[in-house]
N, C-alpha and C. Protein backbone atom coordinates (compact mmCIF):
# COMPACT_ATOMS: atom_id res chain seq x y z
N MET A 1 -74.71 38.84 94.78
CA MET A 1 -75.04 40.13 94.19
C MET A 1 -75.60 41.05 95.28
N THR A 2 -75.19 42.30 95.24
CA THR A 2 -75.68 43.30 96.18
C THR A 2 -76.99 43.88 95.67
N THR A 3 -77.98 43.91 96.53
CA THR A 3 -79.28 44.44 96.12
C THR A 3 -79.33 45.95 96.32
N ARG A 4 -80.31 46.60 95.72
CA ARG A 4 -80.48 48.03 95.88
C ARG A 4 -80.74 48.37 97.34
N ALA A 5 -81.50 47.52 98.04
CA ALA A 5 -81.77 47.75 99.46
C ALA A 5 -80.47 47.69 100.28
N GLN A 6 -79.58 46.76 99.97
CA GLN A 6 -78.30 46.67 100.67
C GLN A 6 -77.43 47.89 100.38
N LEU A 7 -77.46 48.32 99.13
CA LEU A 7 -76.70 49.51 98.76
C LEU A 7 -77.24 50.73 99.49
N GLN A 8 -78.56 50.85 99.56
CA GLN A 8 -79.17 51.99 100.25
C GLN A 8 -78.78 52.00 101.72
N LYS A 9 -78.76 50.84 102.32
CA LYS A 9 -78.38 50.72 103.73
C LYS A 9 -76.93 51.18 103.92
N ALA A 10 -76.05 50.74 103.04
CA ALA A 10 -74.64 51.14 103.11
C ALA A 10 -74.49 52.65 102.88
N LEU A 11 -75.24 53.19 101.94
CA LEU A 11 -75.20 54.63 101.69
C LEU A 11 -75.72 55.42 102.88
N ASN A 12 -76.76 54.93 103.51
CA ASN A 12 -77.30 55.60 104.70
C ASN A 12 -76.27 55.63 105.82
N ARG A 13 -75.58 54.51 106.02
CA ARG A 13 -74.53 54.45 107.04
C ARG A 13 -73.42 55.45 106.72
N LEU A 14 -73.02 55.49 105.45
CA LEU A 14 -71.97 56.41 105.04
C LEU A 14 -72.40 57.86 105.23
N GLU A 15 -73.62 58.18 104.89
CA GLU A 15 -74.09 59.55 105.05
C GLU A 15 -74.16 59.93 106.53
N ALA A 16 -74.54 59.01 107.38
CA ALA A 16 -74.57 59.28 108.82
C ALA A 16 -73.15 59.51 109.36
N TYR A 17 -72.17 58.87 108.76
CA TYR A 17 -70.77 58.98 109.17
C TYR A 17 -70.07 60.19 108.56
N LEU A 18 -70.62 60.73 107.50
CA LEU A 18 -69.98 61.81 106.75
C LEU A 18 -69.68 63.05 107.61
N PRO A 19 -70.58 63.52 108.46
CA PRO A 19 -70.22 64.68 109.30
C PRO A 19 -68.99 64.41 110.17
N HIS A 20 -68.85 63.20 110.68
CA HIS A 20 -67.67 62.83 111.46
C HIS A 20 -66.41 62.91 110.59
N LEU A 21 -66.47 62.39 109.39
CA LEU A 21 -65.32 62.46 108.48
C LEU A 21 -64.94 63.91 108.20
N LEU A 22 -65.94 64.75 107.97
CA LEU A 22 -65.68 66.16 107.68
C LEU A 22 -65.04 66.86 108.88
N ASP A 23 -65.48 66.52 110.08
CA ASP A 23 -64.88 67.10 111.28
C ASP A 23 -63.47 66.58 111.52
N GLN A 24 -63.30 65.30 111.30
CA GLN A 24 -62.01 64.68 111.56
C GLN A 24 -60.95 65.07 110.53
N PHE A 25 -61.38 65.30 109.30
CA PHE A 25 -60.45 65.61 108.20
C PHE A 25 -60.90 66.88 107.49
N PRO A 26 -60.69 68.04 108.09
CA PRO A 26 -61.17 69.29 107.48
C PRO A 26 -60.40 69.69 106.21
N GLU A 27 -59.19 69.23 106.07
CA GLU A 27 -58.39 69.58 104.88
C GLU A 27 -58.72 68.61 103.74
N PRO A 28 -58.97 69.16 102.55
CA PRO A 28 -59.35 68.30 101.41
C PRO A 28 -58.38 67.15 101.15
N GLU A 29 -57.08 67.42 101.29
CA GLU A 29 -56.10 66.37 100.98
C GLU A 29 -56.17 65.20 101.97
N ASN A 30 -56.77 65.44 103.12
CA ASN A 30 -56.97 64.36 104.10
C ASN A 30 -58.37 63.77 104.02
N PHE A 31 -59.34 64.64 103.72
CA PHE A 31 -60.73 64.17 103.66
C PHE A 31 -60.95 63.18 102.53
N TRP A 32 -60.48 63.52 101.33
CA TRP A 32 -60.81 62.70 100.16
C TRP A 32 -60.32 61.25 100.25
N PRO A 33 -59.09 61.00 100.71
CA PRO A 33 -58.70 59.59 100.87
C PRO A 33 -59.55 58.87 101.93
N ALA A 34 -59.89 59.58 103.00
CA ALA A 34 -60.72 58.95 104.05
C ALA A 34 -62.11 58.64 103.51
N PHE A 35 -62.67 59.59 102.76
CA PHE A 35 -63.99 59.35 102.17
C PHE A 35 -63.93 58.21 101.16
N ALA A 36 -62.91 58.20 100.33
CA ALA A 36 -62.77 57.13 99.33
C ALA A 36 -62.67 55.77 100.01
N GLY A 37 -61.99 55.71 101.14
CA GLY A 37 -61.88 54.45 101.86
C GLY A 37 -63.22 53.90 102.30
N GLU A 38 -64.17 54.80 102.54
CA GLU A 38 -65.53 54.40 102.93
C GLU A 38 -66.43 54.18 101.72
N ALA A 39 -66.31 55.05 100.73
CA ALA A 39 -67.23 55.04 99.59
C ALA A 39 -66.86 54.01 98.53
N ASP A 40 -65.59 53.80 98.30
CA ASP A 40 -65.18 52.89 97.22
C ASP A 40 -65.73 51.48 97.38
N PRO A 41 -65.73 50.89 98.57
CA PRO A 41 -66.30 49.55 98.69
C PRO A 41 -67.79 49.50 98.32
N VAL A 42 -68.51 50.56 98.63
CA VAL A 42 -69.94 50.60 98.28
C VAL A 42 -70.08 50.67 96.76
N LEU A 43 -69.33 51.58 96.16
CA LEU A 43 -69.40 51.74 94.71
C LEU A 43 -68.90 50.49 93.99
N ASP A 44 -67.81 49.92 94.48
CA ASP A 44 -67.26 48.72 93.85
C ASP A 44 -68.19 47.51 94.00
N GLY A 45 -68.99 47.49 95.07
CA GLY A 45 -69.90 46.38 95.30
C GLY A 45 -71.22 46.50 94.54
N ALA A 46 -71.43 47.66 93.92
CA ALA A 46 -72.68 47.87 93.20
C ALA A 46 -72.65 47.15 91.86
N PRO A 47 -73.75 46.48 91.51
CA PRO A 47 -73.82 45.88 90.18
C PRO A 47 -73.78 46.98 89.12
N ALA A 48 -73.39 46.62 87.94
CA ALA A 48 -73.23 47.61 86.86
C ALA A 48 -74.47 48.47 86.67
N HIS A 49 -75.65 47.87 86.79
CA HIS A 49 -76.88 48.63 86.54
C HIS A 49 -77.20 49.62 87.67
N ASP A 50 -76.53 49.51 88.82
CA ASP A 50 -76.73 50.44 89.93
C ASP A 50 -75.56 51.39 90.15
N HIS A 51 -74.52 51.24 89.38
CA HIS A 51 -73.30 52.03 89.56
C HIS A 51 -73.58 53.53 89.48
N ASP A 52 -74.28 53.97 88.46
CA ASP A 52 -74.58 55.40 88.30
C ASP A 52 -75.46 55.90 89.43
N TRP A 53 -76.41 55.09 89.88
CA TRP A 53 -77.29 55.47 90.97
C TRP A 53 -76.49 55.69 92.25
N VAL A 54 -75.56 54.80 92.56
CA VAL A 54 -74.72 54.94 93.75
C VAL A 54 -73.85 56.18 93.62
N ALA A 55 -73.24 56.37 92.47
CA ALA A 55 -72.38 57.55 92.25
C ALA A 55 -73.18 58.84 92.43
N ASP A 56 -74.40 58.88 91.93
CA ASP A 56 -75.25 60.07 92.09
C ASP A 56 -75.57 60.30 93.56
N ARG A 57 -75.87 59.25 94.29
CA ARG A 57 -76.18 59.38 95.73
C ARG A 57 -74.96 59.88 96.50
N LEU A 58 -73.78 59.39 96.15
CA LEU A 58 -72.56 59.85 96.81
C LEU A 58 -72.34 61.34 96.54
N GLU A 59 -72.50 61.76 95.31
CA GLU A 59 -72.35 63.17 94.96
C GLU A 59 -73.36 64.03 95.71
N SER A 60 -74.60 63.57 95.79
CA SER A 60 -75.65 64.32 96.49
C SER A 60 -75.32 64.49 97.96
N MET A 61 -74.87 63.44 98.61
CA MET A 61 -74.57 63.55 100.04
C MET A 61 -73.37 64.46 100.27
N LEU A 62 -72.41 64.42 99.39
CA LEU A 62 -71.25 65.31 99.52
C LEU A 62 -71.66 66.77 99.39
N ARG A 63 -72.50 67.06 98.41
CA ARG A 63 -73.00 68.43 98.23
C ARG A 63 -73.80 68.87 99.44
N PHE A 64 -74.72 68.01 99.89
CA PHE A 64 -75.60 68.34 101.00
C PHE A 64 -74.80 68.67 102.27
N HIS A 65 -73.75 67.91 102.51
CA HIS A 65 -72.95 68.10 103.73
C HIS A 65 -71.81 69.09 103.56
N GLY A 66 -71.70 69.69 102.37
CA GLY A 66 -70.70 70.73 102.15
C GLY A 66 -69.27 70.23 102.14
N ALA A 67 -69.06 69.07 101.54
CA ALA A 67 -67.69 68.53 101.46
C ALA A 67 -66.82 69.47 100.64
N PRO A 68 -65.54 69.55 100.98
CA PRO A 68 -64.63 70.42 100.23
C PRO A 68 -64.43 69.88 98.82
N SER A 69 -64.19 70.79 97.91
CA SER A 69 -63.91 70.32 96.55
C SER A 69 -62.51 69.75 96.51
N PRO A 70 -62.32 68.72 95.69
CA PRO A 70 -60.98 68.13 95.56
C PRO A 70 -60.04 69.15 94.92
N ARG A 71 -58.80 69.12 95.32
CA ARG A 71 -57.82 70.08 94.76
C ARG A 71 -57.02 69.44 93.68
């Protein structure tokens, strides 16, 4: 089972990597698959009781870093 601390660590790594993803993939159609490739394993590894918490953290980091809206 993945703990909240492990999830937080993974989310922190993803957030640190997010500016690189945004620079590397400025077009939404390229950014979203790249982001999903990083975020989906974290979300999929979260226990059911932490799923919403992880999803909220992902949304917050995307907003904070100005990710493009999906088309």
